[in-house]
Structures are given as C-alpha cells and as structure tokens.
Amino acid sequence: MSINPSSWKDPAIRAVRTFVQAFVGAIVASGILNVLATGDIEASAIQQVLIAAGFAGLSAVVSWIQNALEDAGTIGAAVK
C-alpha cells in the first residue's frame, strides 16, 4: 500500500498546530515570561525552554507521522 503525498498535508497542519501549542505551553509553564519581565535573564532558563520546545517539536513530528499513516489507511487508528 503506497502513501499519497497529498494525504500528508492535513497531518502536517495538525503537527504544526500541536508544536505551537506545546511551545507556548512550555514557555508559560517554565515561568520564563516572569523572568523576561523582571529583566533577570539566565542562560540556563532559556536553555531549558529551548530543550522543552525541542521535545515539543519531536512530539509533533511523531504525531504528524502517525496521523498521516492513519489517514492513509496504512495503519489502524490507535484512538480516534
């Protein structure tokens, strides 16, 4: 069974949306906004946010692949 490239568009859009939501969530949860507001910026705090954002991106990529394969009918839907 082949995967149609056009079937990857919708999952890609959902993955980008997932990444943005997770990135904003990581920023809010880390308290980095308070740090930026007070002007007391530490490199380690920024590094932690970027690491969290990187894992959010990795999660979004995995979600994109899984959604594309499910939409293409290549694998069964785990939970829908």
Protein backbone atom coordinates (compact mmCIF):
# COMPACT_ATOMS: atom_id res chain seq x y z
CA MET A 1 0.00 0.00 0.00
CA SER A 2 1.54 3.34 -1.02
CA ILE A 3 1.14 6.64 0.77
CA ASN A 4 -0.24 9.52 -1.25
CA PRO A 5 1.84 12.69 -0.59
CA SER A 6 -1.32 14.79 -0.53
CA SER A 7 -2.51 12.77 2.46
CA TRP A 8 0.37 14.26 4.48
CA LYS A 9 -0.87 17.88 4.23
CA ASP A 10 -3.63 17.73 6.86
CA PRO A 11 -1.48 15.80 9.38
CA ALA A 12 1.33 18.32 8.80
CA ILE A 13 -1.01 21.19 9.62
CA ARG A 14 -2.13 19.40 12.78
CA ALA A 15 1.51 18.73 13.73
CA VAL A 16 2.43 22.40 13.35
CA ARG A 17 -0.56 23.37 15.47
CA THR A 18 0.49 20.78 18.09
CA PHE A 19 4.03 22.16 18.11
CA VAL A 20 2.88 25.78 18.56
CA GLN A 21 0.54 24.79 21.39
CA ALA A 22 3.26 22.78 23.14
CA PHE A 23 5.84 25.52 22.64
CA VAL A 24 3.56 28.17 24.15
CA GLY A 25 2.71 25.78 26.97
CA ALA A 26 6.41 25.20 27.68
CA ILE A 27 7.05 28.93 27.82
CA VAL A 28 4.12 29.59 30.14
CA ALA A 29 4.85 26.60 32.40
CA SER A 30 8.54 27.44 32.71
CA GLY A 31 7.85 30.92 34.05
CA ILE A 32 10.22 32.42 31.50
CA LEU A 33 7.74 35.25 30.92
CA ASN A 34 8.21 36.37 34.54
CA VAL A 35 11.96 36.18 34.11
CA LEU A 36 11.81 38.31 30.98
CA ALA A 37 9.51 40.83 32.69
CA THR A 38 11.91 41.31 35.61
CA GLY A 39 14.97 41.50 33.36
CA ASP A 40 16.77 38.78 35.30
CA ILE A 41 17.55 36.51 32.38
CA GLU A 42 19.69 33.44 32.91
CA ALA A 43 21.08 31.39 30.07
CA SER A 44 20.07 28.16 31.82
CA ALA A 45 16.40 29.24 31.92
CA ILE A 46 16.40 30.00 28.22
CA GLN A 47 18.22 26.73 27.53
CA GLN A 48 15.57 24.79 29.46
CA VAL A 49 12.78 26.40 27.46
CA LEU A 50 14.55 25.61 24.18
CA ILE A 51 15.05 21.99 25.25
CA ALA A 52 11.35 21.72 26.14
CA ALA A 53 10.46 23.28 22.80
CA GLY A 54 12.71 20.79 21.03
CA PHE A 55 10.93 17.88 22.66
CA ALA A 56 7.61 19.51 21.75
CA GLY A 57 8.81 19.59 18.15
CA LEU A 58 9.84 15.94 18.30
CA SER A 59 6.43 15.04 19.68
CA ALA A 60 4.76 17.00 16.87
CA VAL A 61 6.80 15.12 14.25
CA VAL A 62 5.81 11.76 15.73
CA SER A 63 2.19 12.92 15.81
CA TRP A 64 2.43 14.04 12.17
CA ILE A 65 3.76 10.69 11.00
CA GLN A 66 1.19 8.72 13.00
CA ASN A 67 -1.71 10.86 11.78
CA ALA A 68 -0.55 10.66 8.16
CA LEU A 69 -0.25 6.88 8.31
CA GLU A 70 -3.68 6.57 9.97
CA ASP A 71 -5.30 8.89 7.41
CA ALA A 72 -3.70 6.97 4.56
CA GLY A 73 -5.05 3.71 5.98
CA THR A 74 -1.57 2.25 6.30
CA ILE A 75 -2.02 1.58 9.99
CA GLY A 76 -5.12 1.35 12.14
CA ALA A 77 -6.17 4.29 14.25
CA ALA A 78 -4.98 3.86 17.81
CA VAL A 79 -7.51 6.19 19.36
CA LYS A 80 -9.90 8.41 17.45
